[in-house]
Structures are given as structure tokens and as C-alpha cells.
PDB file of N, CA and C in Angstrom:
ATOM      1  N   UNK A   1       0.993  -1.147  -0.104  1.00  0.00           N
ATOM      2  CA  UNK A   1      -0.216   0.088  -0.232  1.00  0.00           C
ATOM      3  C   UNK A   1       0.991   1.369   0.340  1.00  0.00           C
ATOM      4  N   UNK A   2       2.141   1.200   0.176  1.00  0.00           N
ATOM      5  CA  UNK A   2       3.034   2.019   0.017  1.00  0.00           C
ATOM      6  C   UNK A   2       2.746   3.429   1.019  1.00  0.00           C
ATOM      7  N   UNK A   3       2.583   3.118   2.054  1.00  0.00           N
ATOM      8  CA  UNK A   3       2.304   4.364   2.652  1.00  0.00           C
ATOM      9  C   UNK A   3       0.921   4.835   3.123  1.00  0.00           C
ATOM     10  N   UNK A   4       0.065   3.890   2.309  1.00  0.00           N
ATOM     11  CA  UNK A   4      -1.130   4.665   2.496  1.00  0.00           C
ATOM     12  C   UNK A   4      -2.113   3.427   3.590  1.00  0.00           C
ATOM     13  N   UNK A   5      -1.556   2.787   4.016  1.00  0.00           N
ATOM     14  CA  UNK A   5      -2.325   1.511   4.834  1.00  0.00           C
ATOM     15  C   UNK A   5      -2.386   2.307   6.121  1.00  0.00           C
ATOM     16  N   UNK A   6      -3.403   1.563   6.891  1.00  0.00           N
ATOM     17  CA  UNK A   6      -4.220   2.341   8.107  1.00  0.00           C
ATOM     18  C   UNK A   6      -3.057   1.838   9.243  1.00  0.00           C
ATOM     19  N   UNK A   7      -2.212   1.052   9.102  1.00  0.00           N
ATOM     20  CA  UNK A   7      -1.186   0.887  10.523  1.00  0.00           C
ATOM     21  C   UNK A   7       0.186   1.120  10.314  1.00  0.00           C
ATOM     22  N   UNK A   8       0.863   1.201  11.012  1.00  0.00           N
ATOM     23  CA  UNK A   8       2.445   1.353  10.928  1.00  0.00           C
ATOM     24  C   UNK A   8       3.012   0.024  10.725  1.00  0.00           C
ATOM     25  N   UNK A   9       3.876   0.018   9.702  1.00  0.00           N
ATOM     26  CA  UNK A   9       4.245  -1.307   9.252  1.00  0.00           C
ATOM     27  C   UNK A   9       5.680  -1.858  10.282  1.00  0.00           C
ATOM     28  N   UNK A  10       6.267  -0.745  10.481  1.00  0.00           N
ATOM     29  CA  UNK A  10       7.461  -0.847  11.572  1.00  0.00           C
ATOM     30  C   UNK A  10       6.770  -1.583  12.743  1.00  0.00           C
ATOM     31  N   UNK A  11       5.748  -0.618  13.528  1.00  0.00           N
ATOM     32  CA  UNK A  11       5.150  -1.240  14.739  1.00  0.00           C
ATOM     33  C   UNK A  11       4.482  -2.657  14.617  1.00  0.00           C
ATOM     34  N   UNK A  12       4.375  -2.992  13.573  1.00  0.00           N
ATOM     35  CA  UNK A  12       3.473  -4.645  13.103  1.00  0.00           C
ATOM     36  C   UNK A  12       4.841  -5.373  13.409  1.00  0.00           C
ATOM     37  N   UNK A  13       5.733  -5.127  12.803  1.00  0.00           N
ATOM     38  CA  UNK A  13       7.210  -5.971  12.531  1.00  0.00           C
ATOM     39  C   UNK A  13       7.620  -6.016  14.028  1.00  0.00           C
ATOM     40  N   UNK A  14       7.712  -4.614  15.191  1.00  0.00           N
ATOM     41  CA  UNK A  14       8.047  -5.071  16.288  1.00  0.00           C
ATOM     42  C   UNK A  14       7.126  -6.077  17.226  1.00  0.00           C
ATOM     43  N   UNK A  15       5.833  -5.628  16.651  1.00  0.00           N
ATOM     44  CA  UNK A  15       4.944  -6.480  17.507  1.00  0.00           C
ATOM     45  C   UNK A  15       4.829  -8.125  16.824  1.00  0.00           C
ATOM     46  N   UNK A  16       5.272  -8.507  16.105  1.00  0.00           N
ATOM     47  CA  UNK A  16       5.430  -9.948  15.619  1.00  0.00           C
ATOM     48  C   UNK A  16       6.603 -10.551  16.130  1.00  0.00           C
ATOM     49  N   UNK A  17       7.503  -9.755  15.860  1.00  0.00           N
ATOM     50  CA  UNK A  17       9.001  -9.894  16.664  1.00  0.00           C
ATOM     51  C   UNK A  17       8.633 -10.599  18.184  1.00  0.00           C
ATOM     52  N   UNK A  18       7.867  -9.646  19.002  1.00  0.00           N
ATOM     53  CA  UNK A  18       7.367  -9.880  20.592  1.00  0.00           C
ATOM     54  C   UNK A  18       6.712 -11.147  20.733  1.00  0.00           C
ATOM     55  N   UNK A  19       5.811 -11.311  19.388  1.00  0.00           N
ATOM     56  CA  UNK A  19       4.836 -12.715  19.632  1.00  0.00           C
ATOM     57  C   UNK A  19       5.908 -13.687  19.526  1.00  0.00           C
ATOM     58  N   UNK A  20       6.654 -13.581  18.676  1.00  0.00           N
ATOM     59  CA  UNK A  20       7.720 -14.783  17.898  1.00  0.00           C
ATOM     60  C   UNK A  20       8.480 -15.180  19.039  1.00  0.00           C
ATOM     61  N   UNK A  21       9.042 -14.042  19.861  1.00  0.00           N
ATOM     62  CA  UNK A  21       9.504 -14.557  21.114  1.00  0.00           C
ATOM     63  C   UNK A  21       9.075 -15.090  22.315  1.00  0.00           C
ATOM     64  N   UNK A  22       7.917 -15.238  22.519  1.00  0.00           N
ATOM     65  CA  UNK A  22       7.029 -15.460  23.523  1.00  0.00           C
ATOM     66  C   UNK A  22       7.209 -17.337  23.492  1.00  0.00           C
ATOM     67  N   UNK A  23       6.740 -17.722  24.494  1.00  0.00           N
ATOM     68  CA  UNK A  23       7.213 -19.464  25.140  1.00  0.00           C
ATOM     69  C   UNK A  23       5.776 -19.974  24.192  1.00  0.00           C
ATOM     70  N   UNK A  24       4.699 -19.143  24.524  1.00  0.00           N
ATOM     71  CA  UNK A  24       3.673 -19.482  23.381  1.00  0.00           C
ATOM     72  C   UNK A  24       2.801 -18.472  22.648  1.00  0.00           C
ATOM     73  N   UNK A  25       2.585 -18.600  21.484  1.00  0.00           N
ATOM     74  CA  UNK A  25       2.120 -18.010  20.687  1.00  0.00           C
ATOM     75  C   UNK A  25       0.719 -17.914  20.298  1.00  0.00           C
ATOM     76  N   UNK A  26       0.109 -16.961  20.026  1.00  0.00           N
ATOM     77  CA  UNK A  26      -1.627 -17.358  19.528  1.00  0.00           C
ATOM     78  C   UNK A  26      -1.716 -18.111  18.595  1.00  0.00           C
ATOM     79  N   UNK A  27      -2.771 -18.823  18.495  1.00  0.00           N
ATOM     80  CA  UNK A  27      -3.093 -19.363  17.564  1.00  0.00           C
ATOM     81  C   UNK A  27      -3.561 -18.389  16.273  1.00  0.00           C
ATOM     82  N   UNK A  28      -4.395 -17.449  17.007  1.00  0.00           N
ATOM     83  CA  UNK A  28      -5.033 -16.237  16.045  1.00  0.00           C
ATOM     84  C   UNK A  28      -4.569 -15.113  16.604  1.00  0.00           C
ATOM     85  N   UNK A  29      -4.089 -13.817  16.033  1.00  0.00           N
ATOM     86  CA  UNK A  29      -3.799 -12.683  16.222  1.00  0.00           C
ATOM     87  C   UNK A  29      -4.402 -11.306  16.008  1.00  0.00           C
ATOM     88  N   UNK A  30      -5.426 -10.778  16.363  1.00  0.00           N
ATOM     89  CA  UNK A  30      -5.842  -9.387  15.456  1.00  0.00           C
ATOM     90  C   UNK A  30      -4.603  -8.110  15.738  1.00  0.00           C
ATOM     91  N   UNK A  31      -4.417  -8.286  14.410  1.00  0.00           N
ATOM     92  CA  UNK A  31      -3.080  -7.235  14.122  1.00  0.00           C
ATOM     93  C   UNK A  31      -3.951  -5.661  13.756  1.00  0.00           C
ATOM     94  N   UNK A  32      -4.176  -4.967  14.910  1.00  0.00           N
ATOM     95  CA  UNK A  32      -4.627  -3.514  14.665  1.00  0.00           C
ATOM     96  C   UNK A  32      -6.000  -3.558  15.549  1.00  0.00           C
ATOM     97  N   UNK A  33      -6.354  -2.240  15.610  1.00  0.00           N
ATOM     98  CA  UNK A  33      -7.472  -2.060  16.563  1.00  0.00           C
ATOM     99  C   UNK A  33      -8.501  -2.770  15.416  1.00  0.00           C
ATOM    100  N   UNK A  34      -8.811  -2.364  14.172  1.00  0.00           N
ATOM    101  CA  UNK A  34     -10.124  -2.845  13.802  1.00  0.00           C
ATOM    102  C   UNK A  34     -10.057  -4.348  13.828  1.00  0.00           C
ATOM    103  N   UNK A  35      -8.975  -5.121  13.537  1.00  0.00           N
ATOM    104  CA  UNK A  35      -8.876  -6.712  13.615  1.00  0.00           C
ATOM    105  C   UNK A  35      -9.651  -6.769  15.418  1.00  0.00           C
ATOM    106  N   UNK A  36      -9.117  -6.296  16.047  1.00  0.00           N
ATOM    107  CA  UNK A  36      -9.548  -6.603  17.450  1.00  0.00           C
ATOM    108  C   UNK A  36     -11.194  -6.699  17.252  1.00  0.00           C
ATOM    109  N   UNK A  37     -11.545  -4.957  16.669  1.00  0.00           N
ATOM    110  CA  UNK A  37     -13.037  -5.298  16.698  1.00  0.00           C
ATOM    111  C   UNK A  37     -13.897  -6.167  15.891  1.00  0.00           C
ATOM    112  N   UNK A  38     -13.080  -6.708  15.082  1.00  0.00           N
ATOM    113  CA  UNK A  38     -13.789  -7.736  14.358  1.00  0.00           C
ATOM    114  C   UNK A  38     -13.735  -9.056  15.093  1.00  0.00           C
ATOM    115  N   UNK A  39     -12.761  -9.387  15.926  1.00  0.00           N
ATOM    116  CA  UNK A  39     -12.700 -10.336  16.648  1.00  0.00           C
ATOM    117  C   UNK A  39     -14.017 -10.574  17.698  1.00  0.00           C
ATOM    118  N   UNK A  40     -13.845  -9.470  18.157  1.00  0.00           N
ATOM    119  CA  UNK A  40     -15.161  -9.275  19.473  1.00  0.00           C
ATOM    120  C   UNK A  40     -16.589  -9.399  18.623  1.00  0.00           C
ATOM    121  N   UNK A  41     -16.807  -8.965  17.448  1.00  0.00           N
ATOM    122  CA  UNK A  41     -17.717  -9.011  16.712  1.00  0.00           C
ATOM    123  C   UNK A  41     -18.236 -10.719  16.711  1.00  0.00           C
ATOM    124  N   UNK A  42     -17.260 -11.231  15.949  1.00  0.00           N
ATOM    125  CA  UNK A  42     -17.434 -12.803  15.796  1.00  0.00           C
ATOM    126  C   UNK A  42     -17.720 -13.440  17.040  1.00  0.00           C
ATOM    127  N   UNK A  43     -16.722 -13.008  17.985  1.00  0.00           N
ATOM    128  CA  UNK A  43     -16.862 -13.937  19.336  1.00  0.00           C
ATOM    129  C   UNK A  43     -18.571 -13.612  19.680  1.00  0.00           C
ATOM    130  N   UNK A  44     -18.904 -12.479  19.889  1.00  0.00           N
ATOM    131  CA  UNK A  44     -20.391 -11.950  20.258  1.00  0.00           C
ATOM    132  C   UNK A  44     -21.344 -13.057  19.339  1.00  0.00           C
ATOM    133  N   UNK A  45     -20.941 -13.303  18.271  1.00  0.00           N
ATOM    134  CA  UNK A  45     -21.926 -14.113  17.402  1.00  0.00           C
ATOM    135  C   UNK A  45     -22.072 -15.251  17.569  1.00  0.00           C
ATOM    136  N   UNK A  46     -20.486 -15.982  17.819  1.00  0.00           N
ATOM    137  CA  UNK A  46     -20.306 -17.272  18.291  1.00  0.00           C
ATOM    138  C   UNK A  46     -21.219 -17.510  19.388  1.00  0.00           C
ATOM    139  N   UNK A  47     -21.185 -16.837  20.197  1.00  0.00           N
ATOM    140  CA  UNK A  47     -21.620 -16.824  22.134  1.00  0.00           C
ATOM    141  C   UNK A  47     -22.855 -16.721  21.617  1.00  0.00           C
ATOM    142  N   UNK A  48     -23.542 -15.878  20.923  1.00  0.00           N
ATOM    143  CA  UNK A  48     -25.374 -15.986  20.784  1.00  0.00           C
ATOM    144  C   UNK A  48     -25.864 -17.432  20.311  1.00  0.00           C
ATOM    145  N   UNK A  49     -24.868 -17.691  18.880  1.00  0.00           N
ATOM    146  CA  UNK A  49     -25.416 -18.811  18.224  1.00  0.00           C
ATOM    147  C   UNK A  49     -25.204 -20.128  19.755  1.00  0.00           C
ATOM    148  N   UNK A  50     -24.462 -20.030  20.293  1.00  0.00           N
ATOM    149  CA  UNK A  50     -24.372 -21.087  21.409  1.00  0.00           C
ATOM    150  C   UNK A  50     -25.575 -21.232  22.309  1.00  0.00           C
ATOM    151  N   UNK A  51     -25.562 -19.830  22.810  1.00  0.00           N
ATOM    152  CA  UNK A  51     -26.853 -19.655  23.854  1.00  0.00           C
ATOM    153  C   UNK A  51     -27.893 -19.944  22.996  1.00  0.00           C
ATOM    154  N   UNK A  52     -28.378 -19.584  22.064  1.00  0.00           N
ATOM    155  CA  UNK A  52     -29.743 -19.615  21.459  1.00  0.00           C
ATOM    156  C   UNK A  52     -30.032 -21.342  21.001  1.00  0.00           C
ATOM    157  N   UNK A  53     -29.115 -22.216  21.012  1.00  0.00           N
ATOM    158  CA  UNK A  53     -29.361 -23.627  20.966  1.00  0.00           C
ATOM    159  C   UNK A  53     -28.848 -24.384  22.111  1.00  0.00           C
ATOM    160  N   UNK A  54     -28.396 -23.936  22.932  1.00  0.00           N
ATOM    161  CA  UNK A  54     -28.047 -24.471  24.024  1.00  0.00           C
ATOM    162  C   UNK A  54     -28.402 -25.426  24.696  1.00  0.00           C
ATOM    163  N   UNK A  55     -29.704 -25.711  24.844  1.00  0.00           N
ATOM    164  CA  UNK A  55     -30.729 -26.912  25.376  1.00  0.00           C
ATOM    165  C   UNK A  55     -30.706 -28.195  24.398  1.00  0.00           C
ATOM    166  N   UNK A  56     -31.009 -27.556  22.936  1.00  0.00           N
ATOM    167  CA  UNK A  56     -30.942 -28.626  21.893  1.00  0.00           C
ATOM    168  C   UNK A  56     -29.519 -29.278  21.932  1.00  0.00           C
ATOM    169  N   UNK A  57     -28.694 -28.371  21.721  1.00  0.00           N
ATOM    170  CA  UNK A  57     -27.129 -28.915  21.783  1.00  0.00           C
ATOM    171  C   UNK A  57     -26.822 -29.994  22.862  1.00  0.00           C
ATOM    172  N   UNK A  58     -27.109 -29.756  24.214  1.00  0.00           N
ATOM    173  CA  UNK A  58     -26.728 -30.403  25.281  1.00  0.00           C
ATOM    174  C   UNK A  58     -27.675 -31.425  25.468  1.00  0.00           C
ATOM    175  N   UNK A  59     -28.424 -31.813  24.714  1.00  0.00           N
ATOM    176  CA  UNK A  59     -29.051 -32.986  24.944  1.00  0.00           C
ATOM    177  C   UNK A  59     -28.807 -34.068  23.778  1.00  0.00           C
ATOM    178  N   UNK A  60     -27.701 -34.030  23.148  1.00  0.00           N
ATOM    179  CA  UNK A  60     -27.204 -35.011  22.527  1.00  0.00           C
ATOM    180  C   UNK A  60     -26.399 -36.248  22.674  1.00  0.00           C
ATOM    181  N   UNK A  61     -25.964 -36.192  24.043  1.00  0.00           N
ATOM    182  CA  UNK A  61     -25.482 -37.361  24.510  1.00  0.00           C
ATOM    183  C   UNK A  61     -26.153 -38.733  24.787  1.00  0.00           C
ATOM    184  N   UNK A  62     -25.102 -39.934  24.612  1.00  0.00           N
ATOM    185  CA  UNK A  62     -26.110 -41.329  24.478  1.00  0.00           C
ATOM    186  C   UNK A  62     -26.495 -41.036  25.959  1.00  0.00           C
ATOM    187  N   UNK A  63     -27.496 -41.919  25.961  1.00  0.00           N
ATOM    188  CA  UNK A  63     -28.639 -42.066  27.329  1.00  0.00           C
ATOM    189  C   UNK A  63     -27.605 -42.607  28.424  1.00  0.00           C
ATOM    190  N   UNK A  64     -26.888 -43.843  28.214  1.00  0.00           N
ATOM    191  CA  UNK A  64     -25.835 -44.125  28.902  1.00  0.00           C
ATOM    192  C   UNK A  64     -24.710 -43.449  29.433  1.00  0.00           C
ATOM    193  N   UNK A  65     -24.523 -42.415  28.812  1.00  0.00           N
ATOM    194  CA  UNK A  65     -23.175 -41.559  29.236  1.00  0.00           C
ATOM    195  C   UNK A  65     -23.434 -40.903  30.407  1.00  0.00           C
TER     196      UNK A  65
END
């Protein structure tokens, strides 16, 4: 994007180096405030889906379990 991107590439590079230096790295990492917002929106939707069908989903075990 040659200087027209929303974030600072140098800060991204620094953050990636920090993550790579950790003993445990995240499976997914939202790079930027906009990505954090997208993660939060997705998580909210998934939680709503789980709660909307909790009773039906929770009674699928074998009767002898």
C-alpha cells in the first residue's frame, strides 16, 4: 500500500517479533484495532449462536453416558 495502509508497518514488525519471542504464541492474533473489533464481533455472534441452541445441543449425548 506504499504508505497508505491504516497501520504502521514498523510497529507491526515489532509486534510480530515480540510474539515470536514468546514461549506460547497465539493461534490467532488480531493485528490492529480494527481487527480486534472484528474478533469481538465474531466472538459475540458465536456466543449468541451457542446460547440460542444450548438446550438442543446439550441433549445429544448417549442416554447411558
